[in-house]
Amino acid sequence: MEVSKTRTSFYRRLYVAWLIDSGSATSVPALMAATGMPRRTAQDTLAALAELDIDCRFEQAGGERNNSGHYRIHDWGPINPQWISGQLQQIKATLGYP
């Protein structure tokens, strides 16, 4: 069964938000390593979280310059992170992520 682009896009956003919130991957390089997605896809996915009303912000590391820091979920909006945890294996399998 072929999975729609809408579903994969939605799952990708949920999974990225879950990775950030769980502390598993809180930077673009860490997201790339955890998922195998290209840098641009990781950056676009982070930017698209706001479309789901997920409040994800980059927090600059104190005393550091440029983009040193990490992402943090401040509010999940209408999304239930416990649902994501319960569906994690299905989400990863649908996306083809390790």
C-alpha atoms as a PDB file:
ATOM      1  CA  MET A   1       0.000   0.000   0.000  1.00  0.00           C
ATOM      2  CA  GLU A   2       1.409   3.374  -1.004  1.00  0.00           C
ATOM      3  CA  VAL A   3       1.460   6.070   1.658  1.00  0.00           C
ATOM      4  CA  SER A   4       0.346   9.568   0.687  1.00  0.00           C
ATOM      5  CA  LYS A   5       2.670  12.571   0.758  1.00  0.00           C
ATOM      6  CA  THR A   6       0.256  14.226   3.177  1.00  0.00           C
ATOM      7  CA  ARG A   7       0.622  11.378   5.670  1.00  0.00           C
ATOM      8  CA  THR A   8       4.409  11.171   5.369  1.00  0.00           C
ATOM      9  CA  SER A   9       4.722  14.944   5.773  1.00  0.00           C
ATOM     10  CA  PHE A  10       2.484  14.863   8.857  1.00  0.00           C
ATOM     11  CA  TYR A  11       4.332  11.897  10.379  1.00  0.00           C
ATOM     12  CA  ARG A  12       7.712  13.508   9.649  1.00  0.00           C
ATOM     13  CA  ARG A  13       6.675  16.638  11.546  1.00  0.00           C
ATOM     14  CA  LEU A  14       5.332  14.622  14.468  1.00  0.00           C
ATOM     15  CA  TYR A  15       8.471  12.500  14.631  1.00  0.00           C
ATOM     16  CA  VAL A  16      10.820  15.495  14.498  1.00  0.00           C
ATOM     17  CA  ALA A  17       8.849  17.205  17.276  1.00  0.00           C
ATOM     18  CA  TRP A  18       8.963  13.990  19.325  1.00  0.00           C
ATOM     19  CA  LEU A  19      12.730  13.654  18.816  1.00  0.00           C
ATOM     20  CA  ILE A  20      13.247  17.232  19.993  1.00  0.00           C
ATOM     21  CA  ASP A  21      10.913  16.937  22.975  1.00  0.00           C
ATOM     22  CA  SER A  22      12.429  13.633  24.097  1.00  0.00           C
ATOM     23  CA  GLY A  23      15.935  15.121  23.911  1.00  0.00           C
ATOM     24  CA  SER A  24      16.978  12.495  21.357  1.00  0.00           C
ATOM     25  CA  ALA A  25      17.811  15.038  18.655  1.00  0.00           C
ATOM     26  CA  THR A  26      17.717  18.767  19.373  1.00  0.00           C
ATOM     27  CA  SER A  27      19.785  20.157  16.504  1.00  0.00           C
ATOM     28  CA  VAL A  28      19.701  19.913  12.722  1.00  0.00           C
ATOM     29  CA  PRO A  29      22.804  17.645  12.591  1.00  0.00           C
ATOM     30  CA  ALA A  30      21.303  15.393  15.293  1.00  0.00           C
ATOM     31  CA  LEU A  31      17.985  15.190  13.397  1.00  0.00           C
ATOM     32  CA  MET A  32      19.884  14.284  10.234  1.00  0.00           C
ATOM     33  CA  ALA A  33      21.766  11.535  12.088  1.00  0.00           C
ATOM     34  CA  ALA A  34      18.621  10.142  13.739  1.00  0.00           C
ATOM     35  CA  THR A  35      16.509  10.061  10.584  1.00  0.00           C
ATOM     36  CA  GLY A  36      18.877  10.078   7.627  1.00  0.00           C
ATOM     37  CA  MET A  37      17.042  13.054   6.147  1.00  0.00           C
ATOM     38  CA  PRO A  38      18.994  15.705   4.241  1.00  0.00           C
ATOM     39  CA  ARG A  39      19.785  19.010   5.958  1.00  0.00           C
ATOM     40  CA  ARG A  40      17.249  20.956   3.882  1.00  0.00           C
ATOM     41  CA  THR A  41      14.459  18.497   4.719  1.00  0.00           C
ATOM     42  CA  ALA A  42      15.291  18.739   8.425  1.00  0.00           C
ATOM     43  CA  GLN A  43      15.285  22.545   8.269  1.00  0.00           C
ATOM     44  CA  ASP A  44      12.031  22.651   6.289  1.00  0.00           C
ATOM     45  CA  THR A  45      10.396  20.209   8.700  1.00  0.00           C
ATOM     46  CA  LEU A  46      11.405  22.329  11.687  1.00  0.00           C
ATOM     47  CA  ALA A  47       9.955  25.421  10.008  1.00  0.00           C
ATOM     48  CA  ALA A  48       6.726  23.542   9.215  1.00  0.00           C
ATOM     49  CA  LEU A  49       6.020  22.599  12.842  1.00  0.00           C
ATOM     50  CA  ALA A  50       4.290  25.951  13.297  1.00  0.00           C
ATOM     51  CA  GLU A  51       1.710  24.871  10.693  1.00  0.00           C
ATOM     52  CA  LEU A  52       0.568  22.252  13.234  1.00  0.00           C
ATOM     53  CA  ASP A  53       0.588  24.899  16.000  1.00  0.00           C
ATOM     54  CA  ILE A  54       3.604  23.218  17.597  1.00  0.00           C
ATOM     55  CA  ASP A  55       5.684  25.943  19.238  1.00  0.00           C
ATOM     56  CA  CYS A  56       9.299  24.918  18.616  1.00  0.00           C
ATOM     57  CA  ARG A  57      12.025  27.472  19.234  1.00  0.00           C
ATOM     58  CA  PHE A  58      15.764  27.567  18.785  1.00  0.00           C
ATOM     59  CA  GLU A  59      17.539  28.461  22.007  1.00  0.00           C
ATOM     60  CA  GLN A  60      20.944  30.016  21.544  1.00  0.00           C
ATOM     61  CA  ALA A  61      23.637  28.594  23.806  1.00  0.00           C
ATOM     62  CA  GLY A  62      24.926  31.183  26.249  1.00  0.00           C
ATOM     63  CA  GLY A  63      28.198  32.784  25.234  1.00  0.00           C
ATOM     64  CA  GLU A  64      28.241  30.958  21.917  1.00  0.00           C
ATOM     65  CA  ARG A  65      28.091  32.554  18.504  1.00  0.00           C
ATOM     66  CA  ASN A  66      26.278  31.760  15.282  1.00  0.00           C
ATOM     67  CA  ASN A  67      23.809  28.877  15.515  1.00  0.00           C
ATOM     68  CA  SER A  68      25.160  27.077  18.559  1.00  0.00           C
ATOM     69  CA  GLY A  69      22.258  25.884  20.674  1.00  0.00           C
ATOM     70  CA  HIS A  70      19.292  23.555  20.474  1.00  0.00           C
ATOM     71  CA  TYR A  71      15.608  23.352  19.608  1.00  0.00           C
ATOM     72  CA  ARG A  72      12.959  22.941  22.284  1.00  0.00           C
ATOM     73  CA  ILE A  73       9.219  22.323  22.121  1.00  0.00           C
ATOM     74  CA  HIS A  74       7.433  24.960  24.201  1.00  0.00           C
ATOM     75  CA  ASP A  75       3.859  23.925  23.377  1.00  0.00           C
ATOM     76  CA  TRP A  76       2.413  20.966  21.481  1.00  0.00           C
ATOM     77  CA  GLY A  77      -0.736  22.890  20.535  1.00  0.00           C
ATOM     78  CA  PRO A  78      -3.489  20.422  19.536  1.00  0.00           C
ATOM     79  CA  ILE A  79      -1.072  17.483  19.187  1.00  0.00           C
ATOM     80  CA  ASN A  80      -0.978  14.744  21.828  1.00  0.00           C
ATOM     81  CA  PRO A  81       2.658  13.665  22.325  1.00  0.00           C
ATOM     82  CA  GLN A  82       1.515  10.510  24.172  1.00  0.00           C
ATOM     83  CA  TRP A  83      -0.252   9.384  20.977  1.00  0.00           C
ATOM     84  CA  ILE A  84       3.015   9.828  19.077  1.00  0.00           C
ATOM     85  CA  SER A  85       4.865   7.717  21.669  1.00  0.00           C
ATOM     86  CA  GLY A  86       2.266   4.971  21.294  1.00  0.00           C
ATOM     87  CA  GLN A  87       2.493   5.030  17.492  1.00  0.00           C
ATOM     88  CA  LEU A  88       6.251   5.509  17.248  1.00  0.00           C
ATOM     89  CA  GLN A  89       7.068   2.201  15.574  1.00  0.00           C
ATOM     90  CA  GLN A  90       4.344   2.689  12.950  1.00  0.00           C
ATOM     91  CA  ILE A  91       5.467   6.272  12.280  1.00  0.00           C
ATOM     92  CA  LYS A  92       9.111   5.216  11.874  1.00  0.00           C
ATOM     93  CA  ALA A  93       8.155   2.271   9.643  1.00  0.00           C
ATOM     94  CA  THR A  94       5.952   4.473   7.443  1.00  0.00           C
ATOM     95  CA  LEU A  95       8.793   6.965   7.028  1.00  0.00           C
ATOM     96  CA  GLY A  96      11.457   4.287   6.603  1.00  0.00           C
ATOM     97  CA  TYR A  97      13.463   5.640   9.552  1.00  0.00           C
ATOM     98  CA  PRO A  98      15.724   3.489  11.736  1.00  0.00           C
END
